[in-house]
Amino acid sequence: QVQLVESGGGSVQAGGSLRLSCASFGYTVSPTCMAWFRQAPGKEREGVAAIYTNSGSTYYADSVKGRFTISQDNAKNTVYLQMNSLKPEDTAMYYCAADFRYGGNYLSYTRYMYWGQGTQLTVSS
C-alpha cells in the first residue's frame, strides 16, 4: 500500500526558510507525479508545487513562484519542498500527494489519489 510521510514542518519567522520532506513507500512502479498542497483553516486545499517524476518538470502556484522549490531524490524515494522568504500567509498544513496516472492539472487536488498525513508550518510576523 502506498504511504507518504511528511516531515520538516515547524514554526519560523517571516523571511525565514524551511524544508519539507516527503518519503514514499509501498510501490514497485514510481508515481508519475508528486506534489505539495497546503490548507489553512477555513480555506480550500491549494496546490503549491508539483513535479513530474520522469522528466523532473516542475509546476508552481503563482503565490510561491520564486520562493519555493520542489525537488526529488529518486534513490531515497523522497520529494522535498524548499521554502524561502516565508510569509505569514504561508501558514498552513502542508500535505504531500502522489499519483500514478499521466496528464491532468498537476496542481489540482482532485488529481491525486495518495496523500500524507500533513505537517504544520507556522510563519510568524
C-alpha atoms as a PDB file:
ATOM      1  CA  GLN A   1       0.000   0.000   0.000  1.00  0.00           C
ATOM      2  CA  VAL A   2       1.338   3.414  -0.949  1.00  0.00           C
ATOM      3  CA  GLN A   3       2.289   5.550   2.016  1.00  0.00           C
ATOM      4  CA  LEU A   4       3.528   9.108   2.141  1.00  0.00           C
ATOM      5  CA  VAL A   5       5.185  10.512   5.247  1.00  0.00           C
ATOM      6  CA  GLU A   6       5.873  14.230   5.557  1.00  0.00           C
ATOM      7  CA  SER A   7       8.350  15.825   7.922  1.00  0.00           C
ATOM      8  CA  GLY A   8      10.091  19.119   8.466  1.00  0.00           C
ATOM      9  CA  GLY A   9       7.260  21.406   9.464  1.00  0.00           C
ATOM     10  CA  GLY A  10       7.565  23.828  12.335  1.00  0.00           C
ATOM     11  CA  SER A  11       7.494  27.461  13.329  1.00  0.00           C
ATOM     12  CA  VAL A  12       9.595  30.111  11.646  1.00  0.00           C
ATOM     13  CA  GLN A  13       9.691  33.877  11.477  1.00  0.00           C
ATOM     14  CA  ALA A  14       8.734  35.754   8.360  1.00  0.00           C
ATOM     15  CA  GLY A  15      11.608  35.874   5.901  1.00  0.00           C
ATOM     16  CA  GLY A  16      12.967  32.566   7.110  1.00  0.00           C
ATOM     17  CA  SER A  17      13.377  29.233   5.352  1.00  0.00           C
ATOM     18  CA  LEU A  18      12.317  25.668   5.932  1.00  0.00           C
ATOM     19  CA  ARG A  19      12.498  22.412   4.004  1.00  0.00           C
ATOM     20  CA  LEU A  20       9.754  19.820   3.992  1.00  0.00           C
ATOM     21  CA  SER A  21      10.380  16.193   3.108  1.00  0.00           C
ATOM     22  CA  CYS A  22       8.018  13.529   1.836  1.00  0.00           C
ATOM     23  CA  ALA A  23       9.175   9.935   1.946  1.00  0.00           C
ATOM     24  CA  SER A  24       7.135   7.480  -0.091  1.00  0.00           C
ATOM     25  CA  PHE A  25       6.779   3.723   0.346  1.00  0.00           C
ATOM     26  CA  GLY A  26       4.821   0.733  -0.791  1.00  0.00           C
ATOM     27  CA  TYR A  27       5.046   0.728  -4.577  1.00  0.00           C
ATOM     28  CA  THR A  28       7.068  -1.064  -7.221  1.00  0.00           C
ATOM     29  CA  VAL A  29       6.452   1.466 -10.003  1.00  0.00           C
ATOM     30  CA  SER A  30       7.240   5.073  -9.149  1.00  0.00           C
ATOM     31  CA  PRO A  31       4.468   7.663  -9.128  1.00  0.00           C
ATOM     32  CA  THR A  32       4.259   9.751 -12.273  1.00  0.00           C
ATOM     33  CA  CYS A  33       3.842  12.926 -10.306  1.00  0.00           C
ATOM     34  CA  MET A  34       4.162  14.162  -6.763  1.00  0.00           C
ATOM     35  CA  ALA A  35       3.039  17.405  -5.292  1.00  0.00           C
ATOM     36  CA  TRP A  36       2.749  19.579  -2.239  1.00  0.00           C
ATOM     37  CA  PHE A  37      -0.535  21.075  -1.193  1.00  0.00           C
ATOM     38  CA  ARG A  38      -1.465  23.281   1.717  1.00  0.00           C
ATOM     39  CA  GLN A  39      -4.616  24.049   3.583  1.00  0.00           C
ATOM     40  CA  ALA A  40      -5.183  26.856   6.024  1.00  0.00           C
ATOM     41  CA  PRO A  41      -8.154  26.862   8.418  1.00  0.00           C
ATOM     42  CA  GLY A  42     -11.332  27.774   6.580  1.00  0.00           C
ATOM     43  CA  LYS A  43      -9.688  27.657   3.180  1.00  0.00           C
ATOM     44  CA  GLU A  44      -9.635  25.159   0.349  1.00  0.00           C
ATOM     45  CA  ARG A  45      -6.687  22.888  -0.218  1.00  0.00           C
ATOM     46  CA  GLU A  46      -4.283  24.687  -2.552  1.00  0.00           C
ATOM     47  CA  GLY A  47      -1.732  23.176  -4.894  1.00  0.00           C
ATOM     48  CA  VAL A  48       1.669  24.666  -4.117  1.00  0.00           C
ATOM     49  CA  ALA A  49       4.162  22.759  -6.260  1.00  0.00           C
ATOM     50  CA  ALA A  50       4.304  19.595  -8.316  1.00  0.00           C
ATOM     51  CA  ILE A  51       6.970  17.574 -10.045  1.00  0.00           C
ATOM     52  CA  TYR A  52       6.628  15.176 -12.942  1.00  0.00           C
ATOM     53  CA  THR A  53       8.946  12.464 -11.730  1.00  0.00           C
ATOM     54  CA  ASN A  54      10.126  11.113 -15.096  1.00  0.00           C
ATOM     55  CA  SER A  55      11.332  14.394 -16.549  1.00  0.00           C
ATOM     56  CA  GLY A  56      11.735  16.461 -13.416  1.00  0.00           C
ATOM     57  CA  SER A  57       9.426  19.131 -14.819  1.00  0.00           C
ATOM     58  CA  THR A  58       8.073  21.340 -12.066  1.00  0.00           C
ATOM     59  CA  TYR A  59       4.943  23.410 -11.609  1.00  0.00           C
ATOM     60  CA  TYR A  60       4.250  26.128  -9.070  1.00  0.00           C
ATOM     61  CA  ALA A  61       1.374  28.183  -7.817  1.00  0.00           C
ATOM     62  CA  ASP A  62       1.819  31.869  -8.577  1.00  0.00           C
ATOM     63  CA  SER A  63       1.817  32.632  -4.860  1.00  0.00           C
ATOM     64  CA  VAL A  64       5.048  30.706  -4.294  1.00  0.00           C
ATOM     65  CA  LYS A  65       6.956  31.122  -7.562  1.00  0.00           C
ATOM     66  CA  GLY A  66      10.489  32.288  -6.925  1.00  0.00           C
ATOM     67  CA  ARG A  67      10.285  31.376  -3.239  1.00  0.00           C
ATOM     68  CA  PHE A  68       9.555  27.638  -3.143  1.00  0.00           C
ATOM     69  CA  THR A  69      11.400  24.853  -4.925  1.00  0.00           C
ATOM     70  CA  ILE A  70      10.234  21.263  -5.311  1.00  0.00           C
ATOM     71  CA  SER A  71      12.838  18.591  -5.926  1.00  0.00           C
ATOM     72  CA  GLN A  72      13.209  14.843  -5.782  1.00  0.00           C
ATOM     73  CA  ASP A  73      15.758  12.268  -4.736  1.00  0.00           C
ATOM     74  CA  ASN A  74      14.777   9.130  -6.600  1.00  0.00           C
ATOM     75  CA  ALA A  75      17.302   6.985  -4.734  1.00  0.00           C
ATOM     76  CA  LYS A  76      15.566   7.857  -1.476  1.00  0.00           C
ATOM     77  CA  ASN A  77      12.024   7.960  -2.862  1.00  0.00           C
ATOM     78  CA  THR A  78      11.755  11.391  -1.332  1.00  0.00           C
ATOM     79  CA  VAL A  79      10.390  14.685  -2.533  1.00  0.00           C
ATOM     80  CA  TYR A  80      11.366  17.984  -0.933  1.00  0.00           C
ATOM     81  CA  LEU A  81       9.874  21.431  -0.739  1.00  0.00           C
ATOM     82  CA  GLN A  82      12.418  24.141  -0.037  1.00  0.00           C
ATOM     83  CA  MET A  83      10.613  27.225   1.191  1.00  0.00           C
ATOM     84  CA  ASN A  84      12.406  30.568   1.323  1.00  0.00           C
ATOM     85  CA  SER A  85      11.283  34.103   2.108  1.00  0.00           C
ATOM     86  CA  LEU A  86       8.389  32.719   4.091  1.00  0.00           C
ATOM     87  CA  LYS A  87       5.379  34.901   4.768  1.00  0.00           C
ATOM     88  CA  PRO A  88       2.671  34.678   7.429  1.00  0.00           C
ATOM     89  CA  GLU A  89       0.207  33.801   4.670  1.00  0.00           C
ATOM     90  CA  ASP A  90       2.211  30.619   4.029  1.00  0.00           C
ATOM     91  CA  THR A  91       0.970  29.319   7.367  1.00  0.00           C
ATOM     92  CA  ALA A  92      -0.970  26.108   6.739  1.00  0.00           C
ATOM     93  CA  MET A  93      -0.940  22.353   6.998  1.00  0.00           C
ATOM     94  CA  TYR A  94       1.215  21.057   4.161  1.00  0.00           C
ATOM     95  CA  TYR A  95       0.384  17.759   2.517  1.00  0.00           C
ATOM     96  CA  CYS A  96       2.344  15.559   0.156  1.00  0.00           C
ATOM     97  CA  ALA A  97       0.446  13.842  -2.651  1.00  0.00           C
ATOM     98  CA  ALA A  98       1.258  11.240  -5.276  1.00  0.00           C
ATOM     99  CA  ASP A  99      -0.399   9.705  -8.290  1.00  0.00           C
ATOM    100  CA  PHE A 100       0.431   7.139 -10.921  1.00  0.00           C
ATOM    101  CA  ARG A 101      -1.551   8.497 -13.853  1.00  0.00           C
ATOM    102  CA  TYR A 102      -0.469  10.807 -16.641  1.00  0.00           C
ATOM    103  CA  GLY A 103      -1.809  14.184 -17.612  1.00  0.00           C
ATOM    104  CA  GLY A 104      -4.229  16.491 -15.894  1.00  0.00           C
ATOM    105  CA  ASN A 105      -3.725  19.548 -13.781  1.00  0.00           C
ATOM    106  CA  TYR A 106      -0.755  18.803 -11.563  1.00  0.00           C
ATOM    107  CA  LEU A 107      -1.829  21.416  -9.027  1.00  0.00           C
ATOM    108  CA  SER A 108      -5.401  20.198  -8.645  1.00  0.00           C
ATOM    109  CA  TYR A 109      -6.069  18.192  -5.501  1.00  0.00           C
ATOM    110  CA  THR A 110      -8.639  16.091  -7.360  1.00  0.00           C
ATOM    111  CA  ARG A 111      -5.847  14.678  -9.477  1.00  0.00           C
ATOM    112  CA  TYR A 112      -4.110  12.859  -6.649  1.00  0.00           C
ATOM    113  CA  MET A 113      -5.044   9.537  -5.130  1.00  0.00           C
ATOM    114  CA  TYR A 114      -2.496   9.203  -2.338  1.00  0.00           C
ATOM    115  CA  TRP A 115      -1.935  11.645   0.496  1.00  0.00           C
ATOM    116  CA  GLY A 116       0.260  12.011   3.524  1.00  0.00           C
ATOM    117  CA  GLN A 117      -0.947  12.983   6.961  1.00  0.00           C
ATOM    118  CA  GLY A 118       0.345  16.541   6.730  1.00  0.00           C
ATOM    119  CA  THR A 119       2.901  18.666   8.525  1.00  0.00           C
ATOM    120  CA  GLN A 120       2.174  22.078  10.021  1.00  0.00           C
ATOM    121  CA  LEU A 121       4.003  25.248   9.031  1.00  0.00           C
ATOM    122  CA  THR A 122       3.510  28.387  11.081  1.00  0.00           C
ATOM    123  CA  VAL A 123       5.104  31.639   9.966  1.00  0.00           C
ATOM    124  CA  SER A 124       5.051  34.481  12.461  1.00  0.00           C
ATOM    125  CA  SER A 125       5.422  38.146  11.575  1.00  0.00           C
END
